[in-house]
Amino acid sequence: MALPLFGGWWPALGAGDATAFDDRTVVSLARALAARPYAPPDARLPASLADSSYDQYRDFRFRPEHALWGDDDGRFQARFFHRGFLFRERVDLHVVENSQARALRFSTDDFDYSPNPAPQLDDIGFAGFRLHGPLNRPGVQDEICAFLGASYFRAVAQGLGYGLSARGLALGSGDPEPEEFPVFRAFWLHRPAVDAETIIIDALLDGPSVAGAYRFVIAPGQDTVFDVDARLFPRVDIANAGIAPLTSMFHFDAGDRVGIDDYRPAVHDSDGLAMLTGTGEQVWRALRNPQALQHSGFQDRDPRGFGLMQRKRAFGDFQDAEAGYERRPGAWVEPLADWGAGEVHLVEIPTADEYHDNIVAFWRPATALHAGRESRWRYRLHWSGGHVWLPRLATVTATRIGAVPKTQSGARLFVIDLDGGAALDEAALPTVEAAASAGLLRHPVVHRRPDGGWRVGFELEPQDAAVVELRMRLLHDGAAFSETWLYRWTP
């Protein structure tokens, strides 16, 4: 499908004009864009917007009564983000209806700038958009998801608030060279039928190394689910691609309180990396806020899923009435095709506060993405308060670490709580299988907790080790009774 390229990528449209649109349109745009030299998106702004502070930017409020589809009887509405502050790049938005795409034009009439007067602005485009719908109560337009900044997006599920983010693509996260941040340059919002329970969003990705076409089919609910179809067209060979990346924050918890002077017992958007491997092993890797940047790669073939999850769900777990960390969703990536060989890659970055994301997880394929060759990735992204993989297995709910009393050896005491699993006779106990890559692991024990569930304890004497990889699971009658717990200890 040949398309006239204007400004490098899309036909020039006047107000009210429309152009033909089908399932091949954005794919053709991405393929054509990748064949051209990269040109960054327009980031020019009047000084009043380019120099705006966070507080000033918050005063650029979209008027809800001007929402796209706000006059319809359907479930979905779209509202738009203003450019300014950190969000300088122009994002072009379109609406698709009856196989026709029409550009959405920016107007200051759609925004409330009070207490300041509305600025005099031309069509500067948008910074992004958010979708609203009756998520928690009939007739109430709750925010469902938002696409804002580079290729970032995030979503909520019933009863939850915003927390971690997803991205279209990660390139070089945590690597010594500067990370590349491809951006969604344009979106096409498909007008849903009045009774539709899903909405389709197409997006055009672009960056120095790659262009891409994305389709999101979004279904809000108890779990909000995105079906993602990502078609990438590299300009150069890419050896460090991060597919289905997730970005979160982990500041501290009972397993990592070194140097913490805070009344709260924990502060994090996610407390673990969950994995269901291609061989069917369910794994929980407890997160850390390390002293130095850390990379971990979990080799696999055709993974069944991975995600950054928040398992603590009680106010008492955090004691933060404002942040509400117990209401932060987890995000679970479920491949919808065989992904071949590669690794779930985890990056943990030191942070001194709760305001900067420091955790990244993604799939890194074993082979590079080659220039001029399409690479396609299909997956289902679940935004959820909890996710059940193998119900017969007990799952980790807490990791606690402290000094071993009355010892001068530097030994550490690990206490891991698990809940669920298959029912056992009151007299029966699972057995502990535990191992350490270095140092001395001793005295593994398991017992029932008074409030239900299981508690595992063991001691680790690191000796001279700078890094110790720990692994533990519960067995019963020789079979796995729990998921596998992993932890990286460093001094």
Protein backbone atom coordinates (compact mmCIF):
# COMPACT_ATOMS: atom_id res chain seq x y z
CA MET A 1 0.00 0.00 0.00
CA ALA A 2 1.72 3.19 -1.15
CA LEU A 3 1.20 6.24 1.00
CA PRO A 4 2.37 9.78 0.28
CA LEU A 5 4.79 10.78 3.04
CA PHE A 6 4.57 14.29 4.42
CA GLY A 7 7.03 15.52 7.02
CA GLY A 8 8.59 12.07 6.67
CA TRP A 9 5.65 9.90 7.54
CA TRP A 10 1.98 10.85 7.01
CA PRO A 11 -0.23 12.64 4.46
CA ALA A 12 -0.96 16.32 4.97
CA LEU A 13 -4.52 16.64 6.21
CA GLY A 14 -6.57 19.79 6.50
CA ALA A 15 -9.19 20.32 9.18
CA GLY A 16 -11.97 17.80 8.62
CA ASP A 17 -10.08 15.93 5.88
CA ALA A 18 -9.89 12.16 6.00
CA THR A 19 -7.79 9.47 4.38
CA ALA A 20 -8.31 5.76 3.83
CA PHE A 21 -7.24 3.54 6.71
CA ASP A 22 -7.06 -0.23 7.19
CA ASP A 23 -5.08 -2.85 9.11
CA ARG A 24 -2.07 -2.33 6.82
CA THR A 25 -1.84 1.45 7.09
CA VAL A 26 0.40 1.89 10.13
CA VAL A 27 2.48 -1.16 9.17
CA SER A 28 3.14 0.45 5.76
CA LEU A 29 4.00 3.75 7.44
CA ALA A 30 6.47 2.06 9.79
CA ARG A 31 8.12 0.11 6.98
CA ALA A 32 8.47 3.27 4.86
CA LEU A 33 9.71 5.28 7.84
CA ALA A 34 12.43 2.70 8.60
CA ALA A 35 13.72 3.01 5.03
CA ARG A 36 14.38 6.74 5.54
CA PRO A 37 17.05 8.42 7.68
CA TYR A 38 15.80 9.11 11.19
CA ALA A 39 14.40 12.59 11.82
CA PRO A 40 13.43 13.40 15.43
CA PRO A 41 9.88 14.51 16.18
CA ASP A 42 9.13 18.21 16.42
CA ALA A 43 9.97 19.42 19.93
CA ARG A 44 9.72 23.17 19.24
CA LEU A 45 7.46 25.02 21.65
CA PRO A 46 6.79 28.62 22.64
CA ALA A 47 8.87 29.64 25.65
CA SER A 48 5.76 29.75 27.83
CA LEU A 49 5.36 25.99 27.32
CA ALA A 50 8.99 24.91 26.93
CA ASP A 51 9.95 26.56 30.23
CA SER A 52 6.87 25.49 32.17
CA SER A 53 7.41 23.97 35.61
CA TYR A 54 5.66 20.89 36.95
CA ASP A 55 3.12 23.03 38.80
CA GLN A 56 2.49 25.22 35.75
CA TYR A 57 2.04 22.16 33.56
CA ARG A 58 -0.55 20.77 35.95
CA ASP A 59 -2.63 23.89 35.24
CA PHE A 60 -3.06 22.78 31.60
CA ARG A 61 -6.20 20.75 32.32
CA PHE A 62 -8.24 19.09 29.61
CA ARG A 63 -11.95 19.92 29.83
CA PRO A 64 -13.83 16.63 30.43
CA GLU A 65 -16.89 17.96 28.62
CA HIS A 66 -14.76 18.14 25.45
CA ALA A 67 -13.77 14.45 25.57
CA LEU A 68 -13.67 12.53 22.32
CA TRP A 69 -16.89 10.43 22.15
CA GLY A 70 -18.11 12.22 25.28
CA ASP A 71 -21.52 12.74 23.67
CA ASP A 72 -21.90 9.07 22.75
CA ASP A 73 -23.69 6.42 24.78
CA GLY A 74 -20.70 4.09 24.58
CA ARG A 75 -18.29 3.06 27.33
CA PHE A 76 -15.16 4.84 26.16
CA GLN A 77 -13.99 8.44 26.10
CA ALA A 78 -10.58 9.89 25.19
CA ARG A 79 -9.02 12.96 26.76
CA PHE A 80 -5.76 14.58 25.73
CA PHE A 81 -2.50 15.73 27.30
CA HIS A 82 -1.06 19.18 26.61
CA ARG A 83 2.53 19.62 25.49
CA GLY A 84 4.97 21.29 27.90
CA PHE A 85 7.25 20.62 30.88
CA LEU A 86 8.97 17.24 30.18
CA PHE A 87 6.58 16.37 27.34
CA ARG A 88 7.86 18.49 24.46
CA GLU A 89 7.65 16.19 21.44
CA ARG A 90 4.61 16.58 19.22
CA VAL A 91 2.32 13.56 19.10
CA ASP A 92 -0.29 13.46 16.35
CA LEU A 93 -3.67 11.93 17.18
CA HIS A 94 -6.27 10.61 14.75
CA VAL A 95 -9.69 9.04 15.01
CA VAL A 96 -10.62 6.09 12.77
CA GLU A 97 -14.22 5.51 11.74
CA ASN A 98 -15.70 3.65 8.76
CA SER A 99 -12.22 2.90 7.37
CA GLN A 100 -11.33 6.58 7.34
CA ALA A 101 -8.72 8.36 9.50
CA ARG A 102 -9.18 12.00 10.49
CA ALA A 103 -6.61 14.14 12.29
CA LEU A 104 -7.57 15.57 15.67
CA ARG A 105 -6.63 19.22 15.89
CA PHE A 106 -5.27 20.90 18.99
CA SER A 107 -7.28 23.84 20.31
CA THR A 108 -6.82 25.85 23.49
CA ASP A 109 -10.64 25.74 23.79
CA ASP A 110 -10.26 22.13 24.96
CA PHE A 111 -8.13 23.11 27.98
CA ASP A 112 -8.67 25.06 31.18
CA TYR A 113 -5.62 27.21 31.98
CA SER A 114 -7.02 29.01 35.02
CA PRO A 115 -5.96 30.97 37.01
CA ASN A 116 -3.98 32.06 33.93
CA PRO A 117 -5.48 33.20 30.62
CA ALA A 118 -5.43 30.80 27.70
CA PRO A 119 -2.26 31.24 25.61
CA GLN A 120 -2.32 32.05 21.90
CA LEU A 121 -1.26 28.80 20.23
CA ASP A 122 -1.46 27.29 16.78
CA ASP A 123 -2.06 23.58 16.19
CA ILE A 124 0.87 22.30 18.27
CA GLY A 125 -0.43 18.74 18.47
CA PHE A 126 -0.61 16.82 21.73
CA ALA A 127 1.67 15.08 24.23
CA GLY A 128 -0.50 11.96 24.53
CA PHE A 129 -3.93 10.80 25.60
CA ARG A 130 -5.83 8.80 28.20
CA LEU A 131 -8.89 6.58 27.98
CA HIS A 132 -11.84 6.74 30.39
CA GLY A 133 -14.74 4.40 31.00
CA PRO A 134 -17.01 2.91 33.70
CA LEU A 135 -14.32 0.73 35.27
CA ASN A 136 -15.43 0.63 38.93
CA ARG A 137 -19.01 1.95 38.91
CA PRO A 138 -21.64 2.12 36.18
CA GLY A 139 -21.96 5.58 34.69
CA VAL A 140 -18.71 6.91 36.19
CA GLN A 141 -15.90 7.70 33.76
CA ASP A 142 -12.79 6.33 35.51
CA GLU A 143 -9.37 6.69 33.98
CA ILE A 144 -8.35 3.34 32.45
CA CYS A 145 -4.97 3.96 30.83
CA ALA A 146 -2.66 6.71 29.65
CA PHE A 147 -0.07 6.99 26.86
CA LEU A 148 2.34 9.81 27.72
CA GLY A 149 6.06 10.30 27.12
CA ALA A 150 8.34 8.38 24.69
CA SER A 151 6.73 4.93 24.30
CA TYR A 152 5.47 4.74 27.90
CA PHE A 153 1.95 3.72 28.84
CA ARG A 154 0.26 2.48 32.00
CA ALA A 155 -3.12 1.20 33.08
CA VAL A 156 -5.24 0.32 36.08
CA ALA A 157 -7.69 -2.46 36.90
CA GLN A 158 -10.79 -2.46 39.08
CA GLY A 159 -10.08 -1.06 42.54
CA LEU A 160 -6.47 -0.18 41.73
CA GLY A 161 -4.54 3.01 41.00
CA TYR A 162 -1.58 3.79 38.78
CA GLY A 163 1.83 2.31 39.53
CA LEU A 164 4.35 0.72 37.20
CA SER A 165 4.56 1.49 33.47
CA ALA A 166 5.03 -0.46 30.26
CA ARG A 167 6.86 0.66 27.14
CA GLY A 168 6.68 -0.13 23.48
CA LEU A 169 10.38 -1.03 23.30
CA ALA A 170 13.51 -0.77 25.45
CA LEU A 171 16.93 -0.30 23.85
CA GLY A 172 20.02 -0.46 26.04
CA SER A 173 18.37 -0.22 29.47
CA GLY A 174 21.10 -0.14 32.13
CA ASP A 175 23.90 -0.49 29.56
CA PRO A 176 27.06 1.66 29.71
CA GLU A 177 26.12 3.43 26.48
CA PRO A 178 23.27 5.98 26.55
CA GLU A 179 19.85 4.35 26.43
CA GLU A 180 17.75 5.00 23.35
CA PHE A 181 14.13 5.94 23.91
CA PRO A 182 11.96 5.38 20.83
CA VAL A 183 8.77 7.42 20.85
CA PHE A 184 5.19 6.90 19.75
CA ARG A 185 4.93 9.65 17.15
CA ALA A 186 1.27 9.15 16.30
CA PHE A 187 -1.83 7.27 17.42
CA TRP A 188 -5.02 6.22 15.69
CA LEU A 189 -8.00 5.79 18.05
CA HIS A 190 -10.66 3.53 16.56
CA ARG A 191 -14.17 4.66 17.39
CA PRO A 192 -15.75 1.76 19.31
CA ALA A 193 -19.30 0.60 18.82
CA VAL A 194 -21.74 1.78 21.50
CA ASP A 195 -21.83 -1.65 23.15
CA ALA A 196 -18.14 -2.47 22.62
CA GLU A 197 -16.17 -3.81 25.58
CA THR A 198 -12.81 -3.29 23.88
CA ILE A 199 -11.16 -0.44 22.02
CA ILE A 200 -8.43 -0.56 19.36
CA ILE A 201 -5.47 1.82 19.36
CA ASP A 202 -2.81 1.86 16.62
CA ALA A 203 0.54 3.54 17.24
CA LEU A 204 3.56 4.46 15.13
CA LEU A 205 6.91 4.02 16.91
CA ASP A 206 10.09 5.76 15.78
CA GLY A 207 13.66 6.10 17.00
CA PRO A 208 17.18 6.32 15.60
CA SER A 209 17.49 2.52 15.39
CA VAL A 210 13.98 1.32 14.62
CA ALA A 211 10.47 2.13 13.47
CA GLY A 212 7.46 0.07 14.42
CA ALA A 213 3.72 -0.45 14.11
CA TYR A 214 1.76 -1.33 17.24
CA ARG A 215 -1.84 -2.38 17.72
CA PHE A 216 -3.36 -2.40 21.21
CA VAL A 217 -6.73 -4.05 21.83
CA ILE A 218 -7.70 -2.85 25.30
CA ALA A 219 -10.29 -4.53 27.54
CA PRO A 220 -10.77 -2.88 30.96
CA GLY A 221 -12.12 -4.87 33.88
CA GLN A 222 -11.19 -6.76 37.02
CA ASP A 223 -7.97 -7.33 35.10
CA THR A 224 -7.36 -4.75 32.39
CA VAL A 225 -5.93 -6.60 29.41
CA PHE A 226 -3.96 -5.25 26.44
CA ASP A 227 -3.50 -7.54 23.44
CA VAL A 228 -0.35 -6.16 21.81
CA ASP A 229 0.82 -6.77 18.25
CA ALA A 230 4.23 -5.14 17.73
CA ARG A 231 5.86 -5.15 14.28
CA LEU A 232 9.39 -3.74 14.32
CA PHE A 233 11.46 -2.55 11.34
CA PRO A 234 15.06 -1.96 12.45
CA ARG A 235 17.23 0.58 10.63
CA VAL A 236 20.33 -1.10 12.07
CA ASP A 237 21.07 -4.47 13.65
CA ILE A 238 19.87 -4.38 17.28
CA ALA A 239 21.54 -6.75 19.73
CA ASN A 240 20.11 -5.25 22.93
CA ALA A 241 16.38 -5.13 22.20
CA GLY A 242 14.02 -5.26 25.16
CA ILE A 243 10.66 -6.73 24.12
CA ALA A 244 7.53 -6.02 26.23
CA PRO A 245 9.46 -3.88 28.75
CA LEU A 246 8.08 -3.03 32.18
CA THR A 247 9.40 -0.21 34.39
CA SER A 248 8.77 0.04 38.13
CA MET A 249 10.10 1.32 41.48
CA PHE A 250 11.52 -0.57 44.44
CA HIS A 251 12.92 1.55 47.27
CA PHE A 252 12.92 -0.74 50.31
CA ASP A 253 11.18 -3.61 52.09
CA ALA A 254 11.87 -5.95 55.01
CA GLY A 255 14.47 -7.70 52.91
CA ASP A 256 16.38 -4.51 52.08
CA ARG A 257 16.40 -1.74 54.72
CA VAL A 258 20.10 -0.87 54.82
CA GLY A 259 20.45 2.87 55.46
CA ILE A 260 16.67 3.39 55.62
CA ASP A 261 15.28 5.85 58.19
CA ASP A 262 11.57 5.77 57.40
CA TYR A 263 8.44 5.10 59.47
CA ARG A 264 6.94 2.96 56.72
CA PRO A 265 7.65 -0.80 56.59
CA ALA A 266 7.96 -0.83 52.78
CA VAL A 267 7.94 1.47 49.74
CA HIS A 268 7.64 -0.03 46.25
CA ASP A 269 5.40 -0.33 43.20
CA SER A 270 6.49 -3.94 42.68
CA ASP A 271 8.15 -6.41 45.04
CA GLY A 272 9.14 -9.21 42.68
CA LEU A 273 9.80 -10.44 39.18
CA ALA A 274 7.50 -13.39 38.46
CA MET A 275 8.23 -15.89 35.70
CA LEU A 276 6.57 -18.97 34.25
CA THR A 277 9.26 -20.62 32.18
CA GLY A 278 8.96 -22.58 28.99
CA THR A 279 9.51 -25.77 31.03
CA GLY A 280 6.66 -24.88 33.40
CA GLU A 281 8.69 -23.74 36.42
CA GLN A 282 7.08 -20.91 38.37
CA VAL A 283 9.71 -18.50 39.71
CA TRP A 284 9.68 -15.51 42.06
CA ARG A 285 12.75 -13.26 42.09
CA ALA A 286 12.55 -10.84 45.03
CA LEU A 287 13.56 -7.31 44.00
CA ARG A 288 16.34 -5.23 45.55
CA ASN A 289 17.52 -1.63 45.63
CA PRO A 290 21.21 -2.41 45.17
CA GLN A 291 24.28 -0.37 46.05
CA ALA A 292 25.43 -0.61 42.42
CA LEU A 293 23.60 -1.26 39.16
CA GLN A 294 22.79 -4.95 38.70
CA HIS A 295 21.82 -7.01 35.65
CA SER A 296 20.27 -10.48 35.86
CA GLY A 297 19.45 -12.71 32.91
CA PHE A 298 17.14 -15.73 33.24
CA GLN A 299 17.72 -17.96 30.22
CA ASP A 300 14.64 -19.53 28.68
CA ARG A 301 12.99 -20.72 25.51
CA ASP A 302 9.39 -19.93 24.61
CA PRO A 303 8.51 -18.45 28.01
CA ARG A 304 4.92 -18.72 29.16
CA GLY A 305 5.07 -15.35 30.89
CA PHE A 306 6.85 -12.87 33.11
CA GLY A 307 5.92 -9.74 35.00
CA LEU A 308 6.68 -7.24 37.74
CA MET A 309 4.12 -7.91 40.45
CA GLN A 310 2.94 -6.28 43.67
CA ARG A 311 1.92 -9.00 46.14
CA LYS A 312 1.50 -6.92 49.27
CA ARG A 313 -2.16 -5.84 49.34
CA ALA A 314 -2.86 -4.53 52.86
CA PHE A 315 -2.57 -0.95 54.09
CA GLY A 316 -0.49 -2.23 57.00
CA ASP A 317 2.14 -3.51 54.56
CA PHE A 318 3.06 0.10 53.70
CA GLN A 319 1.32 2.43 56.19
CA ASP A 320 1.17 5.19 53.55
CA ALA A 321 -2.31 6.69 53.36
CA GLU A 322 -1.33 9.09 50.55
CA ALA A 323 0.67 6.90 48.16
CA GLY A 324 -1.53 3.80 48.55
CA TYR A 325 1.16 1.37 47.42
CA GLU A 326 -1.12 -1.56 48.25
CA ARG A 327 -3.30 -0.44 45.31
CA ARG A 328 -0.52 -0.48 42.70
CA PRO A 329 -1.15 -3.03 39.94
CA GLY A 330 1.17 -5.76 38.75
CA ALA A 331 1.78 -6.29 35.03
CA TRP A 332 2.08 -9.76 33.52
CA VAL A 333 3.33 -10.41 29.97
CA GLU A 334 1.86 -13.51 28.31
CA PRO A 335 3.37 -14.33 24.89
CA LEU A 336 0.80 -15.22 22.26
CA ALA A 337 3.35 -16.99 20.04
CA ASP A 338 6.60 -18.91 20.48
CA TRP A 339 9.38 -16.39 21.25
CA GLY A 340 12.27 -18.81 20.78
CA ALA A 341 15.48 -18.59 22.80
CA GLY A 342 16.44 -15.62 24.93
CA GLU A 343 16.22 -14.40 28.49
CA VAL A 344 14.01 -12.47 30.85
CA HIS A 345 16.34 -9.61 31.66
CA LEU A 346 16.11 -7.70 34.94
CA VAL A 347 17.83 -4.38 35.63
CA GLU A 348 18.01 -3.07 39.22
CA ILE A 349 19.30 0.50 39.59
CA PRO A 350 20.23 2.18 42.89
CA THR A 351 17.77 4.85 44.04
CA ALA A 352 17.72 7.09 47.08
CA ASP A 353 14.00 7.84 46.95
CA GLU A 354 10.61 6.65 45.74
CA TYR A 355 10.27 9.20 42.93
CA HIS A 356 12.43 7.53 40.30
CA ASP A 357 11.77 4.23 38.59
CA ASN A 358 14.73 1.92 39.12
CA ILE A 359 13.49 -1.52 38.02
CA VAL A 360 13.24 -2.67 34.39
CA ALA A 361 12.26 -6.12 33.10
CA PHE A 362 11.91 -7.29 29.50
CA TRP A 363 12.48 -10.18 27.12
CA ARG A 364 15.81 -10.09 25.29
CA PRO A 365 15.88 -12.45 22.28
CA ALA A 366 19.04 -14.51 21.83
CA THR A 367 19.51 -13.31 18.26
CA ALA A 368 19.75 -9.72 17.10
CA LEU A 369 16.95 -7.91 15.29
CA HIS A 370 18.35 -7.40 11.81
CA ALA A 371 18.19 -4.21 9.76
CA GLY A 372 15.65 -4.30 6.95
CA ARG A 373 13.90 -7.39 8.33
CA GLU A 374 10.53 -7.27 10.08
CA SER A 375 10.42 -8.63 13.64
CA ARG A 376 6.97 -9.37 15.07
CA TRP A 377 6.01 -9.85 18.73
CA ARG A 378 2.52 -10.65 19.97
CA TYR A 379 1.64 -10.75 23.66
CA ARG A 380 -1.13 -10.18 26.17
CA LEU A 381 -0.42 -7.70 28.95
CA HIS A 382 -2.46 -8.18 32.15
CA TRP A 383 -2.75 -5.27 34.60
CA SER A 384 -3.84 -6.99 37.76
CA GLY A 385 -4.01 -7.03 41.54
CA GLY A 386 -2.93 -10.66 41.50
CA HIS A 387 -2.31 -13.33 38.92
CA VAL A 388 -2.72 -17.11 39.26
CA TRP A 389 -0.30 -19.24 37.26
CA LEU A 390 -0.15 -22.72 38.84
CA PRO A 391 -2.75 -22.77 41.67
CA ARG A 392 -1.35 -25.94 43.23
CA LEU A 393 1.87 -24.14 44.20
CA ALA A 394 2.46 -22.04 47.31
CA THR A 395 3.60 -18.51 46.45
CA VAL A 396 6.05 -16.19 48.16
CA THR A 397 4.41 -13.32 50.06
CA ALA A 398 7.35 -11.84 51.97
CA THR A 399 11.15 -11.91 52.12
CA ARG A 400 12.79 -10.75 55.35
CA ILE A 401 16.51 -10.49 56.10
CA GLY A 402 18.42 -9.63 59.25
CA ALA A 403 21.56 -10.40 61.20
CA VAL A 404 21.95 -13.78 62.84
CA PRO A 405 21.93 -13.12 66.61
CA LYS A 406 25.11 -13.73 68.63
CA THR A 407 27.42 -14.23 65.68
CA GLN A 408 30.50 -12.32 64.53
CA SER A 409 30.76 -14.01 61.14
CA GLY A 410 28.51 -11.62 59.24
CA ALA A 411 25.92 -14.35 58.79
CA ARG A 412 22.48 -13.27 57.60
CA LEU A 413 19.12 -14.77 58.55
CA PHE A 414 16.60 -15.20 55.72
CA VAL A 415 12.91 -15.64 56.51
CA ILE A 416 10.53 -16.30 53.59
CA ASP A 417 6.76 -16.51 53.96
CA LEU A 418 4.61 -18.45 51.50
CA ASP A 419 0.85 -18.85 51.21
CA GLY A 420 -1.40 -21.34 49.46
CA GLY A 421 -0.39 -24.55 47.79
CA ALA A 422 -1.99 -27.95 47.85
CA ALA A 423 -3.74 -29.01 51.08
CA LEU A 424 -1.63 -31.13 53.42
CA ASP A 425 -2.56 -33.17 56.45
CA GLU A 426 -2.08 -31.18 59.67
CA ALA A 427 0.78 -33.46 60.66
CA ALA A 428 2.55 -33.15 57.32
CA LEU A 429 5.19 -30.59 56.35
CA PRO A 430 6.84 -29.92 53.02
CA THR A 431 10.62 -30.14 52.86
CA VAL A 432 13.03 -27.30 52.05
CA GLU A 433 15.33 -27.46 49.05
CA ALA A 434 17.78 -24.55 49.30
CA ALA A 435 21.13 -23.73 47.68
CA ALA A 436 23.67 -20.91 47.55
CA SER A 437 26.16 -20.20 44.75
CA ALA A 438 28.84 -19.27 47.29
CA GLY A 439 29.36 -19.08 51.05
CA LEU A 440 27.71 -21.46 53.48
CA LEU A 441 23.94 -22.02 53.70
CA ARG A 442 22.84 -23.77 56.88
CA HIS A 443 19.89 -24.77 59.08
CA PRO A 444 17.04 -24.65 56.50
CA VAL A 445 13.71 -25.21 58.23
CA VAL A 446 9.99 -24.84 57.44
CA HIS A 447 6.97 -24.63 59.73
CA ARG A 448 3.35 -23.51 59.66
CA ARG A 449 2.70 -19.87 60.52
CA PRO A 450 0.12 -19.17 63.25
CA ASP A 451 -1.93 -17.12 60.78
CA GLY A 452 -1.77 -19.83 58.10
CA GLY A 453 0.73 -20.44 55.35
CA TRP A 454 4.36 -21.42 55.62
CA ARG A 455 7.56 -19.88 56.94
CA VAL A 456 11.01 -20.93 55.72
CA GLY A 457 14.17 -19.88 57.50
CA PHE A 458 17.88 -20.44 56.87
CA GLU A 459 21.20 -18.79 57.58
CA LEU A 460 23.75 -17.61 55.03
CA GLU A 461 27.39 -17.12 55.95
CA PRO A 462 28.76 -15.29 52.87
CA GLN A 463 32.42 -15.79 53.87
CA ASP A 464 34.40 -13.79 51.27
CA ALA A 465 31.78 -13.86 48.52
CA ALA A 466 30.91 -10.55 46.83
CA VAL A 467 27.74 -11.99 45.29
CA VAL A 468 25.64 -14.98 46.36
CA GLU A 469 22.76 -16.28 44.25
CA LEU A 470 20.19 -18.00 46.47
CA ARG A 471 17.53 -20.48 45.41
CA MET A 472 14.81 -22.14 47.47
CA ARG A 473 11.61 -24.09 46.98
CA LEU A 474 9.37 -26.41 48.97
CA LEU A 475 8.89 -30.04 47.97
CA HIS A 476 6.35 -32.67 48.96
CA ASP A 477 6.67 -36.33 47.98
CA GLY A 478 9.50 -35.31 45.65
CA ALA A 479 7.39 -32.82 43.64
CA ALA A 480 7.35 -29.03 43.72
CA PHE A 481 5.03 -27.76 46.45
CA SER A 482 5.92 -24.08 45.97
CA GLU A 483 7.22 -21.78 43.31
CA THR A 484 10.98 -21.25 43.20
CA TRP A 485 12.27 -18.29 45.24
CA LEU A 486 15.41 -16.52 43.96
CA TYR A 487 17.48 -13.78 45.56
CA ARG A 488 20.78 -12.07 44.83
CA TRP A 489 22.68 -11.16 48.00
CA THR A 490 25.48 -8.61 47.96
CA PRO A 491 27.23 -7.02 50.96
